[in-house]
Amino acid sequence: MLGPDAVIGRSVATVADAEAAAAAGADYLGVGAVYRTGSKADLDDDEHGVGPSRVAAIADAVDLPLVGIGGITPANAAEVAAAGADGVAVISAITAADDPAAATRALREAVERGHTGA
């Protein structure tokens, strides 16, 4: 129904979910909530989120682009990227910031640091 150009993502929190999504044809995965967040009240894992170690386990298990989501800030985005996330998805880190443009730049820089190990 969506056509051949559709890009399908799936939210996952476990390796088993990630493997099932990959087998079903997902194009990318949203992994999380990585950290506790007010916008995801229904965390399947403990109250702290799945953490970067789960991001790394999922990155090792599937060959799909990953986006870390949930509680991501400029202070922890590098760790999420270093664990294997290709990018991050945020809400509060930008919308609640005094300077959303600066917060966006800080997030981009943190993800780049995580990817380069700098």
PDB file of N, CA and C in Angstrom:
ATOM      1  N   MET A   1       0.794  -1.191   0.000  1.00  0.00           N
ATOM      2  CA  MET A   1       0.000   0.000   0.000  1.00  0.00           C
ATOM      3  C   MET A   1       0.846   1.269   0.000  1.00  0.00           C
ATOM      4  N   LEU A   2       2.024   1.211   0.613  1.00  0.00           N
ATOM      5  CA  LEU A   2       2.865   2.403   0.706  1.00  0.00           C
ATOM      6  C   LEU A   2       3.690   2.655  -0.545  1.00  0.00           C
ATOM      7  N   GLY A   3       3.893   1.647  -1.329  1.00  0.00           N
ATOM      8  CA  GLY A   3       4.685   1.799  -2.531  1.00  0.00           C
ATOM      9  C   GLY A   3       6.148   1.457  -2.313  1.00  0.00           C
ATOM     10  N   PRO A   4       6.918   1.361  -3.393  1.00  0.00           N
ATOM     11  CA  PRO A   4       8.298   0.886  -3.315  1.00  0.00           C
ATOM     12  C   PRO A   4       9.270   1.882  -2.667  1.00  0.00           C
ATOM     13  N   ASP A   5       8.890   3.152  -2.544  1.00  0.00           N
ATOM     14  CA  ASP A   5       9.800   4.145  -1.987  1.00  0.00           C
ATOM     15  C   ASP A   5       9.590   4.380  -0.496  1.00  0.00           C
ATOM     16  N   ALA A   6       8.683   3.649   0.115  1.00  0.00           N
ATOM     17  CA  ALA A   6       8.419   3.824   1.542  1.00  0.00           C
ATOM     18  C   ALA A   6       9.638   3.423   2.363  1.00  0.00           C
ATOM     19  N   VAL A   7       9.875   4.148   3.421  1.00  0.00           N
ATOM     20  CA  VAL A   7      10.935   3.826   4.379  1.00  0.00           C
ATOM     21  C   VAL A   7      10.234   3.471   5.683  1.00  0.00           C
ATOM     22  N   ILE A   8      10.485   2.261   6.153  1.00  0.00           N
ATOM     23  CA  ILE A   8       9.777   1.746   7.316  1.00  0.00           C
ATOM     24  C   ILE A   8      10.742   1.613   8.489  1.00  0.00           C
ATOM     25  N   GLY A   9      10.394   2.252   9.591  1.00  0.00           N
ATOM     26  CA  GLY A   9      11.159   2.124  10.823  1.00  0.00           C
ATOM     27  C   GLY A   9      10.334   1.417  11.867  1.00  0.00           C
ATOM     28  N   ARG A  10      11.036   0.822  12.814  1.00  0.00           N
ATOM     29  CA  ARG A  10      10.341   0.150  13.911  1.00  0.00           C
ATOM     30  C   ARG A  10      11.063   0.464  15.208  1.00  0.00           C
ATOM     31  N   SER A  11      10.284   0.729  16.237  1.00  0.00           N
ATOM     32  CA  SER A  11      10.843   0.950  17.565  1.00  0.00           C
ATOM     33  C   SER A  11      11.092  -0.393  18.228  1.00  0.00           C
ATOM     34  N   VAL A  12      12.284  -0.558  18.793  1.00  0.00           N
ATOM     35  CA  VAL A  12      12.643  -1.809  19.459  1.00  0.00           C
ATOM     36  C   VAL A  12      13.378  -1.511  20.762  1.00  0.00           C
ATOM     37  N   ALA A  13      13.320  -2.473  21.664  1.00  0.00           N
ATOM     38  CA  ALA A  13      14.034  -2.339  22.929  1.00  0.00           C
ATOM     39  C   ALA A  13      14.886  -3.559  23.244  1.00  0.00           C
ATOM     40  N   THR A  14      14.753  -4.613  22.428  1.00  0.00           N
ATOM     41  CA  THR A  14      15.503  -5.841  22.680  1.00  0.00           C
ATOM     42  C   THR A  14      16.149  -6.342  21.400  1.00  0.00           C
ATOM     43  N   VAL A  15      17.135  -7.190  21.553  1.00  0.00           N
ATOM     44  CA  VAL A  15      17.774  -7.808  20.398  1.00  0.00           C
ATOM     45  C   VAL A  15      16.763  -8.655  19.635  1.00  0.00           C
ATOM     46  N   ALA A  16      15.936  -9.398  20.339  1.00  0.00           N
ATOM     47  CA  ALA A  16      14.936 -10.242  19.678  1.00  0.00           C
ATOM     48  C   ALA A  16      13.981  -9.393  18.843  1.00  0.00           C
ATOM     49  N   ASP A  17      13.529  -8.259  19.391  1.00  0.00           N
ATOM     50  CA  ASP A  17      12.657  -7.369  18.625  1.00  0.00           C
ATOM     51  C   ASP A  17      13.375  -6.823  17.393  1.00  0.00           C
ATOM     52  N   ALA A  18      14.647  -6.479  17.544  1.00  0.00           N
ATOM     53  CA  ALA A  18      15.426  -5.941  16.430  1.00  0.00           C
ATOM     54  C   ALA A  18      15.586  -6.985  15.332  1.00  0.00           C
ATOM     55  N   GLU A  19      15.885  -8.209  15.718  1.00  0.00           N
ATOM     56  CA  GLU A  19      16.032  -9.281  14.727  1.00  0.00           C
ATOM     57  C   GLU A  19      14.717  -9.548  14.012  1.00  0.00           C
ATOM     58  N   ALA A  20      13.614  -9.513  14.743  1.00  0.00           N
ATOM     59  CA  ALA A  20      12.302  -9.726  14.122  1.00  0.00           C
ATOM     60  C   ALA A  20      11.972  -8.587  13.162  1.00  0.00           C
ATOM     61  N   ALA A  21      12.290  -7.360  13.556  1.00  0.00           N
ATOM     62  CA  ALA A  21      12.029  -6.211  12.683  1.00  0.00           C
ATOM     63  C   ALA A  21      12.863  -6.293  11.414  1.00  0.00           C
ATOM     64  N   ALA A  22      14.123  -6.673  11.552  1.00  0.00           N
ATOM     65  CA  ALA A  22      14.990  -6.817  10.374  1.00  0.00           C
ATOM     66  C   ALA A  22      14.458  -7.901   9.448  1.00  0.00           C
ATOM     67  N   ALA A  23      14.036  -9.021  10.010  1.00  0.00           N
ATOM     68  CA  ALA A  23      13.504 -10.121   9.205  1.00  0.00           C
ATOM     69  C   ALA A  23      12.201  -9.726   8.507  1.00  0.00           C
ATOM     70  N   ALA A  24      11.446  -8.819   9.125  1.00  0.00           N
ATOM     71  CA  ALA A  24      10.172  -8.382   8.543  1.00  0.00           C
ATOM     72  C   ALA A  24      10.350  -7.279   7.504  1.00  0.00           C
ATOM     73  N   GLY A  25      11.601  -6.808   7.337  1.00  0.00           N
ATOM     74  CA  GLY A  25      11.861  -5.832   6.290  1.00  0.00           C
ATOM     75  C   GLY A  25      11.995  -4.394   6.722  1.00  0.00           C
ATOM     76  N   ALA A  26      12.160  -4.140   8.012  1.00  0.00           N
ATOM     77  CA  ALA A  26      12.345  -2.761   8.470  1.00  0.00           C
ATOM     78  C   ALA A  26      13.575  -2.155   7.802  1.00  0.00           C
ATOM     79  N   ASP A  27      13.507  -0.867   7.506  1.00  0.00           N
ATOM     80  CA  ASP A  27      14.628  -0.156   6.901  1.00  0.00           C
ATOM     81  C   ASP A  27      15.562   0.447   7.943  1.00  0.00           C
ATOM     82  N   TYR A  28      15.026   0.769   9.120  1.00  0.00           N
ATOM     83  CA  TYR A  28      15.836   1.309  10.213  1.00  0.00           C
ATOM     84  C   TYR A  28      15.123   1.028  11.521  1.00  0.00           C
ATOM     85  N   LEU A  29      15.854   1.175  12.632  1.00  0.00           N
ATOM     86  CA  LEU A  29      15.291   0.914  13.949  1.00  0.00           C
ATOM     87  C   LEU A  29      15.468   2.118  14.861  1.00  0.00           C
ATOM     88  N   GLY A  30      14.441   2.417  15.624  1.00  0.00           N
ATOM     89  CA  GLY A  30      14.530   3.351  16.737  1.00  0.00           C
ATOM     90  C   GLY A  30      14.733   2.522  17.984  1.00  0.00           C
ATOM     91  N   VAL A  31      15.850   2.709  18.680  1.00  0.00           N
ATOM     92  CA  VAL A  31      16.199   1.880  19.833  1.00  0.00           C
ATOM     93  C   VAL A  31      16.010   2.691  21.108  1.00  0.00           C
ATOM     94  N   GLY A  32      15.208   2.150  22.022  1.00  0.00           N
ATOM     95  CA  GLY A  32      15.048   2.855  23.278  1.00  0.00           C
ATOM     96  C   GLY A  32      13.790   2.441  24.020  1.00  0.00           C
ATOM     97  N   ALA A  33      13.482   3.176  24.972  1.00  0.00           N
ATOM     98  CA  ALA A  33      14.110   4.410  25.399  1.00  0.00           C
ATOM     99  C   ALA A  33      15.496   4.087  25.986  1.00  0.00           C
ATOM    100  N   VAL A  34      16.507   4.808  25.468  1.00  0.00           N
ATOM    101  CA  VAL A  34      17.875   4.569  25.923  1.00  0.00           C
ATOM    102  C   VAL A  34      18.012   4.980  27.379  1.00  0.00           C
ATOM    103  N   TYR A  35      17.494   6.148  27.719  1.00  0.00           N
ATOM    104  CA  TYR A  35      17.509   6.655  29.087  1.00  0.00           C
ATOM    105  C   TYR A  35      16.084   7.000  29.486  1.00  0.00           C
ATOM    106  N   ARG A  36      15.864   7.124  30.758  1.00  0.00           N
ATOM    107  CA  ARG A  36      14.532   7.500  31.248  1.00  0.00           C
ATOM    108  C   ARG A  36      14.103   8.822  30.623  1.00  0.00           C
ATOM    109  N   THR A  37      12.843   8.892  30.240  1.00  0.00           N
ATOM    110  CA  THR A  37      12.310  10.094  29.623  1.00  0.00           C
ATOM    111  C   THR A  37      10.847  10.263  29.986  1.00  0.00           C
ATOM    112  N   GLY A  38      10.433  11.481  30.122  1.00  0.00           N
ATOM    113  CA  GLY A  38       9.044  11.755  30.444  1.00  0.00           C
ATOM    114  C   GLY A  38       8.100  11.526  29.289  1.00  0.00           C
ATOM    115  N   SER A  39       8.630  11.458  28.067  1.00  0.00           N
ATOM    116  CA  SER A  39       7.747  11.282  26.909  1.00  0.00           C
ATOM    117  C   SER A  39       7.496   9.815  26.582  1.00  0.00           C
ATOM    118  N   LYS A  40       8.122   8.901  27.306  1.00  0.00           N
ATOM    119  CA  LYS A  40       7.893   7.466  27.098  1.00  0.00           C
ATOM    120  C   LYS A  40       7.567   6.840  28.450  1.00  0.00           C
ATOM    121  N   ALA A  41       6.329   6.959  28.862  1.00  0.00           N
ATOM    122  CA  ALA A  41       5.920   6.469  30.176  1.00  0.00           C
ATOM    123  C   ALA A  41       5.791   4.951  30.226  1.00  0.00           C
ATOM    124  N   ASP A  42       5.804   4.285  29.091  1.00  0.00           N
ATOM    125  CA  ASP A  42       5.573   2.837  29.046  1.00  0.00           C
ATOM    126  C   ASP A  42       6.845   2.045  28.775  1.00  0.00           C
ATOM    127  N   LEU A  43       7.933   2.413  29.430  1.00  0.00           N
ATOM    128  CA  LEU A  43       9.196   1.690  29.238  1.00  0.00           C
ATOM    129  C   LEU A  43       9.000   0.203  29.507  1.00  0.00           C
ATOM    130  N   ASP A  44       9.465  -0.622  28.586  1.00  0.00           N
ATOM    131  CA  ASP A  44       9.403  -2.066  28.784  1.00  0.00           C
ATOM    132  C   ASP A  44      10.479  -2.537  29.747  1.00  0.00           C
ATOM    133  N   ASP A  45      11.580  -1.806  29.831  1.00  0.00           N
ATOM    134  CA  ASP A  45      12.677  -2.202  30.701  1.00  0.00           C
ATOM    135  C   ASP A  45      12.551  -1.484  32.029  1.00  0.00           C
ATOM    136  N   ASP A  46      13.573  -1.567  32.827  1.00  0.00           N
ATOM    137  CA  ASP A  46      13.504  -0.941  34.135  1.00  0.00           C
ATOM    138  C   ASP A  46      13.354   0.568  33.989  1.00  0.00           C
ATOM    139  N   GLU A  47      13.198   1.231  35.096  1.00  0.00           N
ATOM    140  CA  GLU A  47      12.893   2.659  35.087  1.00  0.00           C
ATOM    141  C   GLU A  47      14.002   3.520  34.522  1.00  0.00           C
ATOM    142  N   HIS A  48      15.170   2.954  34.227  1.00  0.00           N
ATOM    143  CA  HIS A  48      16.297   3.737  33.739  1.00  0.00           C
ATOM    144  C   HIS A  48      16.481   3.683  32.222  1.00  0.00           C
ATOM    145  N   GLY A  49      15.703   2.922  31.506  1.00  0.00           N
ATOM    146  CA  GLY A  49      15.884   2.780  30.067  1.00  0.00           C
ATOM    147  C   GLY A  49      16.802   1.615  29.744  1.00  0.00           C
ATOM    148  N   VAL A  50      17.006   1.372  28.455  1.00  0.00           N
ATOM    149  CA  VAL A  50      17.777   0.203  28.037  1.00  0.00           C
ATOM    150  C   VAL A  50      19.282   0.436  28.085  1.00  0.00           C
ATOM    151  N   GLY A  51      19.727   1.678  28.027  1.00  0.00           N
ATOM    152  CA  GLY A  51      21.147   2.013  28.135  1.00  0.00           C
ATOM    153  C   GLY A  51      21.936   1.772  26.862  1.00  0.00           C
ATOM    154  N   PRO A  52      23.112   2.385  26.777  1.00  0.00           N
ATOM    155  CA  PRO A  52      23.973   2.226  25.598  1.00  0.00           C
ATOM    156  C   PRO A  52      24.410   0.786  25.356  1.00  0.00           C
ATOM    157  N   SER A  53      24.510  -0.021  26.407  1.00  0.00           N
ATOM    158  CA  SER A  53      24.925  -1.414  26.192  1.00  0.00           C
ATOM    159  C   SER A  53      23.901  -2.166  25.351  1.00  0.00           C
ATOM    160  N   ARG A  54      22.622  -1.864  25.505  1.00  0.00           N
ATOM    161  CA  ARG A  54      21.602  -2.508  24.677  1.00  0.00           C
ATOM    162  C   ARG A  54      21.678  -1.986  23.256  1.00  0.00           C
ATOM    163  N   VAL A  55      21.966  -0.702  23.091  1.00  0.00           N
ATOM    164  CA  VAL A  55      22.161  -0.157  21.742  1.00  0.00           C
ATOM    165  C   VAL A  55      23.283  -0.928  21.056  1.00  0.00           C
ATOM    166  N   ALA A  56      24.375  -1.159  21.769  1.00  0.00           N
ATOM    167  CA  ALA A  56      25.516  -1.887  21.206  1.00  0.00           C
ATOM    168  C   ALA A  56      25.133  -3.324  20.853  1.00  0.00           C
ATOM    169  N   ALA A  57      24.381  -3.980  21.720  1.00  0.00           N
ATOM    170  CA  ALA A  57      23.974  -5.364  21.444  1.00  0.00           C
ATOM    171  C   ALA A  57      23.093  -5.436  20.198  1.00  0.00           C
ATOM    172  N   ILE A  58      22.199  -4.475  20.052  1.00  0.00           N
ATOM    173  CA  ILE A  58      21.329  -4.454  18.876  1.00  0.00           C
ATOM    174  C   ILE A  58      22.143  -4.129  17.624  1.00  0.00           C
ATOM    175  N   ALA A  59      23.075  -3.194  17.733  1.00  0.00           N
ATOM    176  CA  ALA A  59      23.933  -2.858  16.582  1.00  0.00           C
ATOM    177  C   ALA A  59      24.734  -4.066  16.126  1.00  0.00           C
ATOM    178  N   ASP A  60      25.177  -4.880  17.076  1.00  0.00           N
ATOM    179  CA  ASP A  60      25.932  -6.090  16.731  1.00  0.00           C
ATOM    180  C   ASP A  60      25.046  -7.161  16.095  1.00  0.00           C
ATOM    181  N   ALA A  61      23.752  -7.152  16.434  1.00  0.00           N
ATOM    182  CA  ALA A  61      22.863  -8.225  16.010  1.00  0.00           C
ATOM    183  C   ALA A  61      22.233  -8.012  14.640  1.00  0.00           C
ATOM    184  N   VAL A  62      22.085  -6.754  14.220  1.00  0.00           N
ATOM    185  CA  VAL A  62      21.392  -6.481  12.951  1.00  0.00           C
ATOM    186  C   VAL A  62      22.213  -5.528  12.095  1.00  0.00           C
ATOM    187  N   ASP A  63      21.967  -5.580  10.818  1.00  0.00           N
ATOM    188  CA  ASP A  63      22.667  -4.709   9.874  1.00  0.00           C
ATOM    189  C   ASP A  63      21.686  -3.666   9.334  1.00  0.00           C
ATOM    190  N   LEU A  64      21.187  -2.832  10.246  1.00  0.00           N
ATOM    191  CA  LEU A  64      20.259  -1.768   9.897  1.00  0.00           C
ATOM    192  C   LEU A  64      20.723  -0.473  10.563  1.00  0.00           C
ATOM    193  N   PRO A  65      20.401   0.662   9.980  1.00  0.00           N
ATOM    194  CA  PRO A  65      20.676   1.917  10.674  1.00  0.00           C
ATOM    195  C   PRO A  65      19.878   1.986  11.982  1.00  0.00           C
ATOM    196  N   LEU A  66      20.504   2.540  13.020  1.00  0.00           N
ATOM    197  CA  LEU A  66      19.868   2.660  14.329  1.00  0.00           C
ATOM    198  C   LEU A  66      19.799   4.122  14.746  1.00  0.00           C
ATOM    199  N   VAL A  67      18.691   4.478  15.368  1.00  0.00           N
ATOM    200  CA  VAL A  67      18.519   5.805  15.944  1.00  0.00           C
ATOM    201  C   VAL A  67      18.217   5.605  17.423  1.00  0.00           C
ATOM    202  N   GLY A  68      19.074   6.139  18.283  1.00  0.00           N
ATOM    203  CA  GLY A  68      18.809   6.087  19.717  1.00  0.00           C
ATOM    204  C   GLY A  68      17.749   7.104  20.067  1.00  0.00           C
ATOM    205  N   ILE A  69      16.814   6.723  20.918  1.00  0.00           N
ATOM    206  CA  ILE A  69      15.729   7.628  21.299  1.00  0.00           C
ATOM    207  C   ILE A  69      15.406   7.446  22.776  1.00  0.00           C
ATOM    208  N   GLY A  70      15.068   8.538  23.407  1.00  0.00           N
ATOM    209  CA  GLY A  70      14.640   8.480  24.801  1.00  0.00           C
ATOM    210  C   GLY A  70      15.686   9.011  25.748  1.00  0.00           C
ATOM    211  N   GLY A  71      15.466  10.216  26.261  1.00  0.00           N
ATOM    212  CA  GLY A  71      16.358  10.783  27.261  1.00  0.00           C
ATOM    213  C   GLY A  71      17.709  11.222  26.728  1.00  0.00           C
ATOM    214  N   ILE A  72      17.831  11.366  25.426  1.00  0.00           N
ATOM    215  CA  ILE A  72      19.106  11.754  24.816  1.00  0.00           C
ATOM    216  C   ILE A  72      19.308  13.256  25.008  1.00  0.00           C
ATOM    217  N   THR A  73      20.514  13.618  25.422  1.00  0.00           N
ATOM    218  CA  THR A  73      20.899  15.012  25.622  1.00  0.00           C
ATOM    219  C   THR A  73      22.287  15.223  25.027  1.00  0.00           C
ATOM    220  N   PRO A  74      22.728  16.470  24.918  1.00  0.00           N
ATOM    221  CA  PRO A  74      24.111  16.689  24.468  1.00  0.00           C
ATOM    222  C   PRO A  74      25.138  16.019  25.389  1.00  0.00           C
ATOM    223  N   ALA A  75      24.797  15.819  26.641  1.00  0.00           N
ATOM    224  CA  ALA A  75      25.728  15.205  27.593  1.00  0.00           C
ATOM    225  C   ALA A  75      25.881  13.699  27.404  1.00  0.00           C
ATOM    226  N   ASN A  76      24.894  13.025  26.800  1.00  0.00           N
ATOM    227  CA  ASN A  76      24.996  11.565  26.662  1.00  0.00           C
ATOM    228  C   ASN A  76      24.907  11.067  25.217  1.00  0.00           C
ATOM    229  N   ALA A  77      24.693  11.975  24.265  1.00  0.00           N
ATOM    230  CA  ALA A  77      24.535  11.565  22.870  1.00  0.00           C
ATOM    231  C   ALA A  77      25.788  10.905  22.304  1.00  0.00           C
ATOM    232  N   ALA A  78      26.973  11.348  22.709  1.00  0.00           N
ATOM    233  CA  ALA A  78      28.209  10.742  22.197  1.00  0.00           C
ATOM    234  C   ALA A  78      28.303   9.284  22.602  1.00  0.00           C
ATOM    235  N   GLU A  79      27.907   8.977  23.816  1.00  0.00           N
ATOM    236  CA  GLU A  79      27.948   7.597  24.295  1.00  0.00           C
ATOM    237  C   GLU A  79      26.995   6.708  23.500  1.00  0.00           C
ATOM    238  N   VAL A  80      25.837   7.239  23.159  1.00  0.00           N
ATOM    239  CA  VAL A  80      24.856   6.483  22.371  1.00  0.00           C
ATOM    240  C   VAL A  80      25.393   6.232  20.962  1.00  0.00           C
ATOM    241  N   ALA A  81      25.989   7.254  20.358  1.00  0.00           N
ATOM    242  CA  ALA A  81      26.572   7.100  19.017  1.00  0.00           C
ATOM    243  C   ALA A  81      27.747   6.127  19.050  1.00  0.00           C
ATOM    244  N   ALA A  82      28.583   6.222  20.069  1.00  0.00           N
ATOM    245  CA  ALA A  82      29.724   5.309  20.183  1.00  0.00           C
ATOM    246  C   ALA A  82      29.268   3.863  20.350  1.00  0.00           C
ATOM    247  N   ALA A  83      28.091   3.667  20.924  1.00  0.00           N
ATOM    248  CA  ALA A  83      27.556   2.317  21.113  1.00  0.00           C
ATOM    249  C   ALA A  83      27.027   1.711  19.821  1.00  0.00           C
ATOM    250  N   GLY A  84      26.844   2.542  18.779  1.00  0.00           N
ATOM    251  CA  GLY A  84      26.405   2.000  17.500  1.00  0.00           C
ATOM    252  C   GLY A  84      25.229   2.707  16.873  1.00  0.00           C
ATOM    253  N   ALA A  85      24.676   3.711  17.535  1.00  0.00           N
ATOM    254  CA  ALA A  85      23.563   4.453  16.934  1.00  0.00           C
ATOM    255  C   ALA A  85      24.096   5.351  15.825  1.00  0.00           C
ATOM    256  N   ASP A  86      23.420   5.345  14.697  1.00  0.00           N
ATOM    257  CA  ASP A  86      23.804   6.216  13.590  1.00  0.00           C
ATOM    258  C   ASP A  86      23.389   7.652  13.851  1.00  0.00           C
ATOM    259  N   GLY A  87      22.376   7.817  14.671  1.00  0.00           N
ATOM    260  CA  GLY A  87      21.884   9.139  15.011  1.00  0.00           C
ATOM    261  C   GLY A  87      21.034   9.052  16.253  1.00  0.00           C
ATOM    262  N   VAL A  88      20.473  10.193  16.645  1.00  0.00           N
ATOM    263  CA  VAL A  88      19.605  10.247  17.813  1.00  0.00           C
ATOM    264  C   VAL A  88      18.335  11.002  17.465  1.00  0.00           C
ATOM    265  N   ALA A  89      17.272  10.669  18.161  1.00  0.00           N
ATOM    266  CA  ALA A  89      16.005  11.382  18.047  1.00  0.00           C
ATOM    267  C   ALA A  89      15.709  11.985  19.413  1.00  0.00           C
ATOM    268  N   VAL A  90      15.339  13.242  19.427  1.00  0.00           N
ATOM    269  CA  VAL A  90      15.117  13.933  20.697  1.00  0.00           C
ATOM    270  C   VAL A  90      13.841  14.765  20.637  1.00  0.00           C
ATOM    271  N   ILE A  91      13.338  15.073  21.797  1.00  0.00           N
ATOM    272  CA  ILE A  91      12.248  16.037  21.924  1.00  0.00           C
ATOM    273  C   ILE A  91      12.710  17.123  22.890  1.00  0.00           C
ATOM    274  N   SER A  92      12.767  16.778  24.171  1.00  0.00           N
ATOM    275  CA  SER A  92      13.043  17.764  25.213  1.00  0.00           C
ATOM    276  C   SER A  92      14.407  18.421  25.093  1.00  0.00           C
ATOM    277  N   ALA A  93      15.395  17.685  24.597  1.00  0.00           N
ATOM    278  CA  ALA A  93      16.744  18.256  24.498  1.00  0.00           C
ATOM    279  C   ALA A  93      16.764  19.498  23.622  1.00  0.00           C
ATOM    280  N   ILE A  94      15.802  19.618  22.726  1.00  0.00           N
ATOM    281  CA  ILE A  94      15.712  20.808  21.870  1.00  0.00           C
ATOM    282  C   ILE A  94      14.551  21.700  22.301  1.00  0.00           C
ATOM    283  N   THR A  95      13.354  21.114  22.472  1.00  0.00           N
ATOM    284  CA  THR A  95      12.186  21.955  22.744  1.00  0.00           C
ATOM    285  C   THR A  95      12.227  22.618  24.112  1.00  0.00           C
ATOM    286  N   ALA A  96      12.908  22.028  25.077  1.00  0.00           N
ATOM    287  CA  ALA A  96      12.992  22.619  26.413  1.00  0.00           C
ATOM    288  C   ALA A  96      14.252  23.461  26.599  1.00  0.00           C
ATOM    289  N   ALA A  97      15.082  23.528  25.594  1.00  0.00           N
ATOM    290  CA  ALA A  97      16.340  24.285  25.707  1.00  0.00           C
ATOM    291  C   ALA A  97      16.078  25.787  25.617  1.00  0.00           C
ATOM    292  N   ASP A  98      16.873  26.548  26.351  1.00  0.00           N
ATOM    293  CA  ASP A  98      16.786  28.010  26.257  1.00  0.00           C
ATOM    294  C   ASP A  98      17.137  28.482  24.850  1.00  0.00           C
ATOM    295  N   ASP A  99      18.072  27.789  24.220  1.00  0.00           N
ATOM    296  CA  ASP A  99      18.502  28.125  22.858  1.00  0.00           C
ATOM    297  C   ASP A  99      18.430  26.850  22.010  1.00  0.00           C
ATOM    298  N   PRO A 100      17.281  26.595  21.385  1.00  0.00           N
ATOM    299  CA  PRO A 100      17.121  25.357  20.616  1.00  0.00           C
ATOM    300  C   PRO A 100      18.160  25.175  19.514  1.00  0.00           C
ATOM    301  N   ALA A 101      18.570  26.260  18.866  1.00  0.00           N
ATOM    302  CA  ALA A 101      19.579  26.136  17.805  1.00  0.00           C
ATOM    303  C   ALA A 101      20.910  25.667  18.385  1.00  0.00           C
ATOM    304  N   ALA A 102      21.302  26.235  19.504  1.00  0.00           N
ATOM    305  CA  ALA A 102      22.556  25.824  20.149  1.00  0.00           C
ATOM    306  C   ALA A 102      22.461  24.385  20.638  1.00  0.00           C
ATOM    307  N   ALA A 103      21.301  24.005  21.155  1.00  0.00           N
ATOM    308  CA  ALA A 103      21.117  22.631  21.618  1.00  0.00           C
ATOM    309  C   ALA A 103      21.221  21.654  20.453  1.00  0.00           C
ATOM    310  N   THR A 104      20.677  22.030  19.315  1.00  0.00           N
ATOM    311  CA  THR A 104      20.754  21.191  18.124  1.00  0.00           C
ATOM    312  C   THR A 104      22.196  21.027  17.672  1.00  0.00           C
ATOM    313  N   ARG A 105      22.941  22.123  17.667  1.00  0.00           N
ATOM    314  CA  ARG A 105      24.366  22.041  17.306  1.00  0.00           C
ATOM    315  C   ARG A 105      25.128  21.162  18.287  1.00  0.00           C
ATOM    316  N   ALA A 106      24.843  21.312  19.569  1.00  0.00           N
ATOM    317  CA  ALA A 106      25.534  20.512  20.589  1.00  0.00           C
ATOM    318  C   ALA A 106      25.237  19.028  20.418  1.00  0.00           C
ATOM    319  N   LEU A 107      24.005  18.698  20.080  1.00  0.00           N
ATOM    320  CA  LEU A 107      23.655  17.295  19.830  1.00  0.00           C
ATOM    321  C   LEU A 107      24.395  16.752  18.626  1.00  0.00           C
ATOM    322  N   ARG A 108      24.412  17.525  17.537  1.00  0.00           N
ATOM    323  CA  ARG A 108      25.129  17.085  16.329  1.00  0.00           C
ATOM    324  C   ARG A 108      26.608  16.855  16.632  1.00  0.00           C
ATOM    325  N   GLU A 109      27.213  17.789  17.347  1.00  0.00           N
ATOM    326  CA  GLU A 109      28.632  17.656  17.689  1.00  0.00           C
ATOM    327  C   GLU A 109      28.880  16.447  18.580  1.00  0.00           C
ATOM    328  N   ALA A 110      27.982  16.188  19.516  1.00  0.00           N
ATOM    329  CA  ALA A 110      28.137  15.027  20.397  1.00  0.00           C
ATOM    330  C   ALA A 110      28.058  13.729  19.614  1.00  0.00           C
ATOM    331  N   VAL A 111      27.103  13.639  18.691  1.00  0.00           N
ATOM    332  CA  VAL A 111      26.980  12.425  17.869  1.00  0.00           C
ATOM    333  C   VAL A 111      28.236  12.245  17.020  1.00  0.00           C
ATOM    334  N   GLU A 112      28.726  13.322  16.444  1.00  0.00           N
ATOM    335  CA  GLU A 112      29.965  13.229  15.652  1.00  0.00           C
ATOM    336  C   GLU A 112      31.138  12.770  16.509  1.00  0.00           C
ATOM    337  N   ARG A 113      31.257  13.280  17.735  1.00  0.00           N
ATOM    338  CA  ARG A 113      32.318  12.817  18.651  1.00  0.00           C
ATOM    339  C   ARG A 113      32.182  11.331  18.943  1.00  0.00           C
ATOM    340  N   GLY A 114      30.957  10.897  19.149  1.00  0.00           N
ATOM    341  CA  GLY A 114      30.724   9.476  19.412  1.00  0.00           C
ATOM    342  C   GLY A 114      31.120   8.592  18.249  1.00  0.00           C
ATOM    343  N   HIS A 115      30.894   9.072  17.042  1.00  0.00           N
ATOM    344  CA  HIS A 115      31.248   8.294  15.854  1.00  0.00           C
ATOM    345  C   HIS A 115      32.749   8.269  15.601  1.00  0.00           C
ATOM    346  N   THR A 116      33.432   9.344  15.940  1.00  0.00           N
ATOM    347  CA  THR A 116      34.875   9.422  15.657  1.00  0.00           C
ATOM    348  C   THR A 116      35.728   9.003  16.842  1.00  0.00           C
ATOM    349  N   GLY A 117      35.103   8.866  18.009  1.00  0.00           N
ATOM    350  CA  GLY A 117      35.871   8.505  19.205  1.00  0.00           C
ATOM    351  C   GLY A 117      36.677   9.656  19.768  1.00  0.00           C
ATOM    352  N   ALA A 118      36.397  10.868  19.297  1.00  0.00           N
ATOM    353  CA  ALA A 118      37.137  12.035  19.779  1.00  0.00           C
ATOM    354  C   ALA A 118      36.646  12.506  21.111  1.00  0.00           C
TER     355      ALA A 118
END
